[in-house]
Amino acid sequence: MLERFETRLAPLESRDSIRPILKRLNLDGTRLLDHGRLEGELLAKRTILELQLEQRFGALPTRTRKRINSAVRSDLDVWITRVVAAKSRADIFRE
């Protein structure tokens, strides 16, 4: 892909001068994709947990939804695992 851009931009500037710019753009793009993947993973985990809780215990209070939506990945992983054996919502969120 880098070569395709180099070829199109080569008449404007020498390839050596644009290569660092193109590499920087690629790195920034990679970081954005990684960030997007992580955000997507968090959204999926939050959605799964909410669906599991609703199926198991009924409608979720706003406070519970807020807690889920502000949780980090490691907490979500623990809570998702606890849904299987939990007898109440409190069992899932215990410290």
PDB file of N, CA and C in Angstrom:
ATOM      1  N   MET A   1       0.830  -1.181   0.000  1.00  0.00           N
ATOM      2  CA  MET A   1       0.000   0.000   0.000  1.00  0.00           C
ATOM      3  C   MET A   1       0.879   1.250   0.000  1.00  0.00           C
ATOM      4  N   LEU A   2       1.928   1.235   0.782  1.00  0.00           N
ATOM      5  CA  LEU A   2       2.846   2.367   0.839  1.00  0.00           C
ATOM      6  C   LEU A   2       3.407   2.679  -0.541  1.00  0.00           C
ATOM      7  N   GLU A   3       3.712   1.644  -1.287  1.00  0.00           N
ATOM      8  CA  GLU A   3       4.283   1.843  -2.624  1.00  0.00           C
ATOM      9  C   GLU A   3       3.303   2.556  -3.554  1.00  0.00           C
ATOM     10  N   ARG A   4       2.032   2.226  -3.431  1.00  0.00           N
ATOM     11  CA  ARG A   4       1.021   2.858  -4.279  1.00  0.00           C
ATOM     12  C   ARG A   4       0.998   4.372  -4.056  1.00  0.00           C
ATOM     13  N   PHE A   5       1.059   4.796  -2.804  1.00  0.00           N
ATOM     14  CA  PHE A   5       1.074   6.229  -2.512  1.00  0.00           C
ATOM     15  C   PHE A   5       2.380   6.871  -2.960  1.00  0.00           C
ATOM     16  N   GLU A   6       3.468   6.164  -2.756  1.00  0.00           N
ATOM     17  CA  GLU A   6       4.758   6.704  -3.194  1.00  0.00           C
ATOM     18  C   GLU A   6       4.755   6.959  -4.697  1.00  0.00           C
ATOM     19  N   THR A   7       4.203   6.030  -5.451  1.00  0.00           N
ATOM     20  CA  THR A   7       4.180   6.158  -6.908  1.00  0.00           C
ATOM     21  C   THR A   7       3.357   7.371  -7.327  1.00  0.00           C
ATOM     22  N   ARG A   8       2.226   7.568  -6.698  1.00  0.00           N
ATOM     23  CA  ARG A   8       1.371   8.699  -7.074  1.00  0.00           C
ATOM     24  C   ARG A   8       1.957  10.037  -6.648  1.00  0.00           C
ATOM     25  N   LEU A   9       2.670  10.057  -5.536  1.00  0.00           N
ATOM     26  CA  LEU A   9       3.225  11.309  -5.037  1.00  0.00           C
ATOM     27  C   LEU A   9       4.633  11.587  -5.535  1.00  0.00           C
ATOM     28  N   ALA A  10       5.260  10.611  -6.121  1.00  0.00           N
ATOM     29  CA  ALA A  10       6.658  10.754  -6.551  1.00  0.00           C
ATOM     30  C   ALA A  10       6.895  11.965  -7.444  1.00  0.00           C
ATOM     31  N   PRO A  11       6.002  12.297  -8.387  1.00  0.00           N
ATOM     32  CA  PRO A  11       6.267  13.474  -9.211  1.00  0.00           C
ATOM     33  C   PRO A  11       6.293  14.776  -8.404  1.00  0.00           C
ATOM     34  N   LEU A  12       5.596  14.822  -7.282  1.00  0.00           N
ATOM     35  CA  LEU A  12       5.539  16.045  -6.489  1.00  0.00           C
ATOM     36  C   LEU A  12       6.796  16.258  -5.660  1.00  0.00           C
ATOM     37  N   GLU A  13       7.318  15.209  -5.111  1.00  0.00           N
ATOM     38  CA  GLU A  13       8.519  15.287  -4.281  1.00  0.00           C
ATOM     39  C   GLU A  13       9.295  13.990  -4.453  1.00  0.00           C
ATOM     40  N   SER A  14      10.515  14.009  -4.018  1.00  0.00           N
ATOM     41  CA  SER A  14      11.291  12.776  -4.123  1.00  0.00           C
ATOM     42  C   SER A  14      10.731  11.734  -3.165  1.00  0.00           C
ATOM     43  N   ARG A  15      10.890  10.490  -3.513  1.00  0.00           N
ATOM     44  CA  ARG A  15      10.382   9.405  -2.672  1.00  0.00           C
ATOM     45  C   ARG A  15      11.002   9.433  -1.285  1.00  0.00           C
ATOM     46  N   ASP A  16      12.251   9.781  -1.184  1.00  0.00           N
ATOM     47  CA  ASP A  16      12.916   9.809   0.123  1.00  0.00           C
ATOM     48  C   ASP A  16      12.286  10.842   1.052  1.00  0.00           C
ATOM     49  N   SER A  17      11.830  11.943   0.516  1.00  0.00           N
ATOM     50  CA  SER A  17      11.263  12.983   1.374  1.00  0.00           C
ATOM     51  C   SER A  17       9.837  12.660   1.821  1.00  0.00           C
ATOM     52  N   ILE A  18       9.091  11.892   1.046  1.00  0.00           N
ATOM     53  CA  ILE A  18       7.715  11.589   1.450  1.00  0.00           C
ATOM     54  C   ILE A  18       7.593  10.288   2.239  1.00  0.00           C
ATOM     55  N   ARG A  19       8.588   9.433   2.169  1.00  0.00           N
ATOM     56  CA  ARG A  19       8.511   8.148   2.873  1.00  0.00           C
ATOM     57  C   ARG A  19       8.250   8.323   4.379  1.00  0.00           C
ATOM     58  N   PRO A  20       8.955   9.214   5.100  1.00  0.00           N
ATOM     59  CA  PRO A  20       8.671   9.373   6.538  1.00  0.00           C
ATOM     60  C   PRO A  20       7.238   9.832   6.817  1.00  0.00           C
ATOM     61  N   ILE A  21       6.730  10.671   5.953  1.00  0.00           N
ATOM     62  CA  ILE A  21       5.356  11.155   6.126  1.00  0.00           C
ATOM     63  C   ILE A  21       4.373  10.008   5.969  1.00  0.00           C
ATOM     64  N   LEU A  22       4.568   9.205   4.950  1.00  0.00           N
ATOM     65  CA  LEU A  22       3.670   8.079   4.712  1.00  0.00           C
ATOM     66  C   LEU A  22       3.759   7.044   5.830  1.00  0.00           C
ATOM     67  N   LYS A  23       4.948   6.806   6.325  1.00  0.00           N
ATOM     68  CA  LYS A  23       5.097   5.862   7.438  1.00  0.00           C
ATOM     69  C   LYS A  23       4.380   6.382   8.677  1.00  0.00           C
ATOM     70  N   ARG A  24       4.490   7.673   8.922  1.00  0.00           N
ATOM     71  CA  ARG A  24       3.821   8.278  10.076  1.00  0.00           C
ATOM     72  C   ARG A  24       2.300   8.148   9.945  1.00  0.00           C
ATOM     73  N   LEU A  25       1.794   8.401   8.759  1.00  0.00           N
ATOM     74  CA  LEU A  25       0.357   8.250   8.525  1.00  0.00           C
ATOM     75  C   LEU A  25      -0.082   6.818   8.774  1.00  0.00           C
ATOM     76  N   ASN A  26       0.699   5.871   8.334  1.00  0.00           N
ATOM     77  CA  ASN A  26       0.367   4.466   8.528  1.00  0.00           C
ATOM     78  C   ASN A  26       0.372   4.112  10.013  1.00  0.00           C
ATOM     79  N   LEU A  27       1.352   4.612  10.766  1.00  0.00           N
ATOM     80  CA  LEU A  27       1.403   4.341  12.204  1.00  0.00           C
ATOM     81  C   LEU A  27       0.199   4.935  12.916  1.00  0.00           C
ATOM     82  N   ASP A  28      -0.153   6.166  12.578  1.00  0.00           N
ATOM     83  CA  ASP A  28      -1.317   6.793  13.190  1.00  0.00           C
ATOM     84  C   ASP A  28      -2.584   6.020  12.856  1.00  0.00           C
ATOM     85  N   GLY A  29      -2.692   5.563  11.621  1.00  0.00           N
ATOM     86  CA  GLY A  29      -3.846   4.766  11.214  1.00  0.00           C
ATOM     87  C   GLY A  29      -3.923   3.460  11.974  1.00  0.00           C
ATOM     88  N   THR A  30      -2.784   2.837  12.200  1.00  0.00           N
ATOM     89  CA  THR A  30      -2.746   1.588  12.956  1.00  0.00           C
ATOM     90  C   THR A  30      -3.202   1.819  14.390  1.00  0.00           C
ATOM     91  N   ARG A  31      -2.742   2.905  14.988  1.00  0.00           N
ATOM     92  CA  ARG A  31      -3.162   3.227  16.361  1.00  0.00           C
ATOM     93  C   ARG A  31      -4.666   3.466  16.435  1.00  0.00           C
ATOM     94  N   LEU A  32      -5.200   4.153  15.445  1.00  0.00           N
ATOM     95  CA  LEU A  32      -6.642   4.397  15.424  1.00  0.00           C
ATOM     96  C   LEU A  32      -7.418   3.093  15.299  1.00  0.00           C
ATOM     97  N   LEU A  33      -6.949   2.199  14.438  1.00  0.00           N
ATOM     98  CA  LEU A  33      -7.610   0.903  14.288  1.00  0.00           C
ATOM     99  C   LEU A  33      -7.552   0.103  15.579  1.00  0.00           C
ATOM    100  N   ASP A  34      -6.400   0.099  16.229  1.00  0.00           N
ATOM    101  CA  ASP A  34      -6.265  -0.614  17.502  1.00  0.00           C
ATOM    102  C   ASP A  34      -7.218  -0.046  18.547  1.00  0.00           C
ATOM    103  N   HIS A  35      -7.296   1.270  18.616  1.00  0.00           N
ATOM    104  CA  HIS A  35      -8.203   1.921  19.566  1.00  0.00           C
ATOM    105  C   HIS A  35      -9.655   1.541  19.254  1.00  0.00           C
ATOM    106  N   GLY A  36      -9.995   1.551  17.977  1.00  0.00           N
ATOM    107  CA  GLY A  36     -11.348   1.178  17.567  1.00  0.00           C
ATOM    108  C   GLY A  36     -11.687  -0.257  17.927  1.00  0.00           C
ATOM    109  N   ARG A  37     -10.726  -1.143  17.757  1.00  0.00           N
ATOM    110  CA  ARG A  37     -10.942  -2.548  18.126  1.00  0.00           C
ATOM    111  C   ARG A  37     -11.195  -2.688  19.623  1.00  0.00           C
ATOM    112  N   LEU A  38     -10.403  -1.995  20.421  1.00  0.00           N
ATOM    113  CA  LEU A  38     -10.576  -2.062  21.877  1.00  0.00           C
ATOM    114  C   LEU A  38     -11.929  -1.499  22.299  1.00  0.00           C
ATOM    115  N   GLU A  39     -12.322  -0.391  21.700  1.00  0.00           N
ATOM    116  CA  GLU A  39     -13.628   0.193  22.014  1.00  0.00           C
ATOM    117  C   GLU A  39     -14.752  -0.756  21.611  1.00  0.00           C
ATOM    118  N   GLY A  40     -14.600  -1.399  20.448  1.00  0.00           N
ATOM    119  CA  GLY A  40     -15.594  -2.368  19.993  1.00  0.00           C
ATOM    120  C   GLY A  40     -15.691  -3.564  20.922  1.00  0.00           C
ATOM    121  N   GLU A  41     -14.547  -4.012  21.413  1.00  0.00           N
ATOM    122  CA  GLU A  41     -14.524  -5.136  22.351  1.00  0.00           C
ATOM    123  C   GLU A  41     -15.236  -4.770  23.655  1.00  0.00           C
ATOM    124  N   LEU A  42     -14.974  -3.569  24.157  1.00  0.00           N
ATOM    125  CA  LEU A  42     -15.655  -3.121  25.381  1.00  0.00           C
ATOM    126  C   LEU A  42     -17.163  -3.026  25.175  1.00  0.00           C
ATOM    127  N   LEU A  43     -17.570  -2.478  24.059  1.00  0.00           N
ATOM    128  CA  LEU A  43     -18.996  -2.364  23.760  1.00  0.00           C
ATOM    129  C   LEU A  43     -19.646  -3.741  23.706  1.00  0.00           C
ATOM    130  N   ALA A  44     -18.983  -4.696  23.066  1.00  0.00           N
ATOM    131  CA  ALA A  44     -19.520  -6.056  22.970  1.00  0.00           C
ATOM    132  C   ALA A  44     -19.654  -6.691  24.352  1.00  0.00           C
ATOM    133  N   LYS A  45     -18.639  -6.562  25.178  1.00  0.00           N
ATOM    134  CA  LYS A  45     -18.688  -7.144  26.525  1.00  0.00           C
ATOM    135  C   LYS A  45     -19.799  -6.501  27.354  1.00  0.00           C
ATOM    136  N   ARG A  46     -19.938  -5.195  27.258  1.00  0.00           N
ATOM    137  CA  ARG A  46     -20.992  -4.505  28.007  1.00  0.00           C
ATOM    138  C   ARG A  46     -22.371  -4.964  27.545  1.00  0.00           C
ATOM    139  N   THR A  47     -22.536  -5.094  26.247  1.00  0.00           N
ATOM    140  CA  THR A  47     -23.815  -5.536  25.692  1.00  0.00           C
ATOM    141  C   THR A  47     -24.131  -6.961  26.124  1.00  0.00           C
ATOM    142  N   ILE A  48     -23.145  -7.842  26.047  1.00  0.00           N
ATOM    143  CA  ILE A  48     -23.338  -9.237  26.462  1.00  0.00           C
ATOM    144  C   ILE A  48     -23.744  -9.303  27.928  1.00  0.00           C
ATOM    145  N   LEU A  49     -23.036  -8.572  28.775  1.00  0.00           N
ATOM    146  CA  LEU A  49     -23.352  -8.595  30.203  1.00  0.00           C
ATOM    147  C   LEU A  49     -24.764  -8.082  30.462  1.00  0.00           C
ATOM    148  N   GLU A  50     -25.133  -6.985  29.831  1.00  0.00           N
ATOM    149  CA  GLU A  50     -26.486  -6.455  30.019  1.00  0.00           C
ATOM    150  C   GLU A  50     -27.542  -7.461  29.568  1.00  0.00           C
ATOM    151  N   LEU A  51     -27.325  -8.079  28.422  1.00  0.00           N
ATOM    152  CA  LEU A  51     -28.291  -9.070  27.929  1.00  0.00           C
ATOM    153  C   LEU A  51     -28.395 -10.268  28.866  1.00  0.00           C
ATOM    154  N   GLN A  52     -27.261 -10.757  29.344  1.00  0.00           N
ATOM    155  CA  GLN A  52     -27.278 -11.889  30.272  1.00  0.00           C
ATOM    156  C   GLN A  52     -28.022 -11.529  31.561  1.00  0.00           C
ATOM    157  N   LEU A  53     -27.729 -10.360  32.095  1.00  0.00           N
ATOM    158  CA  LEU A  53     -28.381  -9.937  33.335  1.00  0.00           C
ATOM    159  C   LEU A  53     -29.885  -9.765  33.151  1.00  0.00           C
ATOM    160  N   GLU A  54     -30.285  -9.172  32.036  1.00  0.00           N
ATOM    161  CA  GLU A  54     -31.718  -8.991  31.773  1.00  0.00           C
ATOM    162  C   GLU A  54     -32.422 -10.336  31.632  1.00  0.00           C
ATOM    163  N   GLN A  55     -31.799 -11.272  30.953  1.00  0.00           N
ATOM    164  CA  GLN A  55     -32.394 -12.601  30.795  1.00  0.00           C
ATOM    165  C   GLN A  55     -32.510 -13.321  32.137  1.00  0.00           C
ATOM    166  N   ARG A  56     -31.523 -13.140  32.962  1.00  0.00           N
ATOM    167  CA  ARG A  56     -31.461 -13.864  34.232  1.00  0.00           C
ATOM    168  C   ARG A  56     -32.294 -13.206  35.326  1.00  0.00           C
ATOM    169  N   PHE A  57     -32.238 -11.864  35.400  1.00  0.00           N
ATOM    170  CA  PHE A  57     -32.838 -11.174  36.547  1.00  0.00           C
ATOM    171  C   PHE A  57     -33.873 -10.111  36.190  1.00  0.00           C
ATOM    172  N   GLY A  58     -34.169  -9.929  34.917  1.00  0.00           N
ATOM    173  CA  GLY A  58     -35.147  -8.926  34.518  1.00  0.00           C
ATOM    174  C   GLY A  58     -34.499  -7.577  34.229  1.00  0.00           C
ATOM    175  N   ALA A  59     -35.341  -6.564  34.104  1.00  0.00           N
ATOM    176  CA  ALA A  59     -34.880  -5.217  33.728  1.00  0.00           C
ATOM    177  C   ALA A  59     -33.793  -4.713  34.681  1.00  0.00           C
ATOM    178  N   LEU A  60     -32.833  -4.017  34.099  1.00  0.00           N
ATOM    179  CA  LEU A  60     -31.707  -3.507  34.887  1.00  0.00           C
ATOM    180  C   LEU A  60     -31.979  -2.092  35.378  1.00  0.00           C
ATOM    181  N   PRO A  61     -31.664  -1.834  36.638  1.00  0.00           N
ATOM    182  CA  PRO A  61     -31.767  -0.458  37.134  1.00  0.00           C
ATOM    183  C   PRO A  61     -30.746   0.437  36.420  1.00  0.00           C
ATOM    184  N   THR A  62     -31.062   1.708  36.347  1.00  0.00           N
ATOM    185  CA  THR A  62     -30.160   2.671  35.710  1.00  0.00           C
ATOM    186  C   THR A  62     -28.780   2.643  36.357  1.00  0.00           C
ATOM    187  N   ARG A  63     -28.737   2.511  37.664  1.00  0.00           N
ATOM    188  CA  ARG A  63     -27.462   2.478  38.388  1.00  0.00           C
ATOM    189  C   ARG A  63     -26.578   1.317  37.912  1.00  0.00           C
ATOM    190  N   THR A  64     -27.190   0.168  37.666  1.00  0.00           N
ATOM    191  CA  THR A  64     -26.439  -1.001  37.187  1.00  0.00           C
ATOM    192  C   THR A  64     -25.924  -0.756  35.778  1.00  0.00           C
ATOM    193  N   ARG A  65     -26.751  -0.186  34.923  1.00  0.00           N
ATOM    194  CA  ARG A  65     -26.312   0.124  33.554  1.00  0.00           C
ATOM    195  C   ARG A  65     -25.138   1.103  33.559  1.00  0.00           C
ATOM    196  N   LYS A  66     -25.213   2.105  34.409  1.00  0.00           N
ATOM    197  CA  LYS A  66     -24.118   3.082  34.497  1.00  0.00           C
ATOM    198  C   LYS A  66     -22.831   2.412  34.964  1.00  0.00           C
ATOM    199  N   ARG A  67     -22.958   1.511  35.921  1.00  0.00           N
ATOM    200  CA  ARG A  67     -21.770   0.801  36.417  1.00  0.00           C
ATOM    201  C   ARG A  67     -21.145  -0.041  35.309  1.00  0.00           C
ATOM    202  N   ILE A  68     -21.968  -0.731  34.562  1.00  0.00           N
ATOM    203  CA  ILE A  68     -21.472  -1.553  33.449  1.00  0.00           C
ATOM    204  C   ILE A  68     -20.810  -0.669  32.395  1.00  0.00           C
ATOM    205  N   ASN A  69     -21.449   0.443  32.061  1.00  0.00           N
ATOM    206  CA  ASN A  69     -20.929   1.314  31.001  1.00  0.00           C
ATOM    207  C   ASN A  69     -19.660   2.066  31.377  1.00  0.00           C
ATOM    208  N   SER A  70     -19.348   2.127  32.660  1.00  0.00           N
ATOM    209  CA  SER A  70     -18.109   2.788  33.071  1.00  0.00           C
ATOM    210  C   SER A  70     -17.022   1.784  33.478  1.00  0.00           C
ATOM    211  N   ALA A  71     -17.338   0.505  33.378  1.00  0.00           N
ATOM    212  CA  ALA A  71     -16.400  -0.542  33.817  1.00  0.00           C
ATOM    213  C   ALA A  71     -15.259  -0.750  32.827  1.00  0.00           C
ATOM    214  N   VAL A  72     -14.139  -1.193  33.364  1.00  0.00           N
ATOM    215  CA  VAL A  72     -12.985  -1.555  32.536  1.00  0.00           C
ATOM    216  C   VAL A  72     -13.111  -3.021  32.120  1.00  0.00           C
ATOM    217  N   ARG A  73     -12.317  -3.403  31.143  1.00  0.00           N
ATOM    218  CA  ARG A  73     -12.406  -4.744  30.563  1.00  0.00           C
ATOM    219  C   ARG A  73     -12.246  -5.851  31.607  1.00  0.00           C
ATOM    220  N   SER A  74     -11.291  -5.716  32.510  1.00  0.00           N
ATOM    221  CA  SER A  74     -11.055  -6.779  33.495  1.00  0.00           C
ATOM    222  C   SER A  74     -12.274  -6.990  34.399  1.00  0.00           C
ATOM    223  N   ASP A  75     -12.943  -5.909  34.794  1.00  0.00           N
ATOM    224  CA  ASP A  75     -14.163  -6.047  35.597  1.00  0.00           C
ATOM    225  C   ASP A  75     -15.268  -6.720  34.792  1.00  0.00           C
ATOM    226  N   LEU A  76     -15.425  -6.313  33.550  1.00  0.00           N
ATOM    227  CA  LEU A  76     -16.451  -6.920  32.700  1.00  0.00           C
ATOM    228  C   LEU A  76     -16.219  -8.421  32.550  1.00  0.00           C
ATOM    229  N   ASP A  77     -14.968  -8.819  32.366  1.00  0.00           N
ATOM    230  CA  ASP A  77     -14.648 -10.247  32.232  1.00  0.00           C
ATOM    231  C   ASP A  77     -15.061 -11.027  33.478  1.00  0.00           C
ATOM    232  N   VAL A  78     -14.768 -10.475  34.643  1.00  0.00           N
ATOM    233  CA  VAL A  78     -15.138 -11.136  35.902  1.00  0.00           C
ATOM    234  C   VAL A  78     -16.654 -11.224  36.021  1.00  0.00           C
ATOM    235  N   TRP A  79     -17.335 -10.133  35.765  1.00  0.00           N
ATOM    236  CA  TRP A  79     -18.788 -10.110  35.908  1.00  0.00           C
ATOM    237  C   TRP A  79     -19.472 -11.057  34.928  1.00  0.00           C
ATOM    238  N   ILE A  80     -19.003 -11.095  33.690  1.00  0.00           N
ATOM    239  CA  ILE A  80     -19.598 -11.998  32.695  1.00  0.00           C
ATOM    240  C   ILE A  80     -19.466 -13.444  33.161  1.00  0.00           C
ATOM    241  N   THR A  81     -18.334 -13.790  33.745  1.00  0.00           N
ATOM    242  CA  THR A  81     -18.108 -15.147  34.244  1.00  0.00           C
ATOM    243  C   THR A  81     -19.026 -15.459  35.424  1.00  0.00           C
ATOM    244  N   ARG A  82     -19.262 -14.496  36.266  1.00  0.00           N
ATOM    245  CA  ARG A  82     -20.091 -14.710  37.459  1.00  0.00           C
ATOM    246  C   ARG A  82     -21.572 -14.897  37.151  1.00  0.00           C
ATOM    247  N   VAL A  83     -22.033 -14.447  36.011  1.00  0.00           N
ATOM    248  CA  VAL A  83     -23.458 -14.546  35.679  1.00  0.00           C
ATOM    249  C   VAL A  83     -23.931 -15.995  35.748  1.00  0.00           C
ATOM    250  N   VAL A  84     -23.095 -16.920  35.354  1.00  0.00           N
ATOM    251  CA  VAL A  84     -23.481 -18.336  35.285  1.00  0.00           C
ATOM    252  C   VAL A  84     -23.937 -18.873  36.643  1.00  0.00           C
ATOM    253  N   ALA A  85     -23.216 -18.560  37.700  1.00  0.00           N
ATOM    254  CA  ALA A  85     -23.518 -19.128  39.014  1.00  0.00           C
ATOM    255  C   ALA A  85     -24.262 -18.174  39.952  1.00  0.00           C
ATOM    256  N   ALA A  86     -24.452 -16.946  39.546  1.00  0.00           N
ATOM    257  CA  ALA A  86     -25.040 -15.938  40.437  1.00  0.00           C
ATOM    258  C   ALA A  86     -26.501 -16.235  40.749  1.00  0.00           C
ATOM    259  N   LYS A  87     -26.859 -16.006  42.002  1.00  0.00           N
ATOM    260  CA  LYS A  87     -28.252 -16.150  42.410  1.00  0.00           C
ATOM    261  C   LYS A  87     -28.967 -14.791  42.408  1.00  0.00           C
ATOM    262  N   SER A  88     -28.174 -13.717  42.376  1.00  0.00           N
ATOM    263  CA  SER A  88     -28.729 -12.361  42.324  1.00  0.00           C
ATOM    264  C   SER A  88     -27.733 -11.444  41.620  1.00  0.00           C
ATOM    265  N   ARG A  89     -28.200 -10.246  41.263  1.00  0.00           N
ATOM    266  CA  ARG A  89     -27.284  -9.270  40.664  1.00  0.00           C
ATOM    267  C   ARG A  89     -26.160  -8.915  41.632  1.00  0.00           C
ATOM    268  N   ALA A  90     -26.467  -8.893  42.903  1.00  0.00           N
ATOM    269  CA  ALA A  90     -25.446  -8.552  43.905  1.00  0.00           C
ATOM    270  C   ALA A  90     -24.279  -9.541  43.871  1.00  0.00           C
ATOM    271  N   ASP A  91     -24.557 -10.812  43.589  1.00  0.00           N
ATOM    272  CA  ASP A  91     -23.484 -11.817  43.495  1.00  0.00           C
ATOM    273  C   ASP A  91     -22.491 -11.476  42.394  1.00  0.00           C
ATOM    274  N   ILE A  92     -22.962 -10.877  41.348  1.00  0.00           N
ATOM    275  CA  ILE A  92     -22.103 -10.556  40.205  1.00  0.00           C
ATOM    276  C   ILE A  92     -21.163  -9.405  40.537  1.00  0.00           C
ATOM    277  N   PHE A  93     -21.657  -8.416  41.229  1.00  0.00           N
ATOM    278  CA  PHE A  93     -20.884  -7.196  41.469  1.00  0.00           C
ATOM    279  C   PHE A  93     -20.169  -7.167  42.818  1.00  0.00           C
ATOM    280  N   ARG A  94     -20.156  -8.289  43.528  1.00  0.00           N
ATOM    281  CA  ARG A  94     -19.472  -8.309  44.830  1.00  0.00           C
ATOM    282  C   ARG A  94     -17.980  -8.051  44.654  1.00  0.00           C
ATOM    283  N   GLU A  95     -17.374  -7.488  45.656  1.00  0.00           N
ATOM    284  CA  GLU A  95     -15.930  -7.176  45.597  1.00  0.00           C
ATOM    285  C   GLU A  95     -15.104  -8.383  45.886  1.00  0.00           C
TER     286      GLU A  95
END
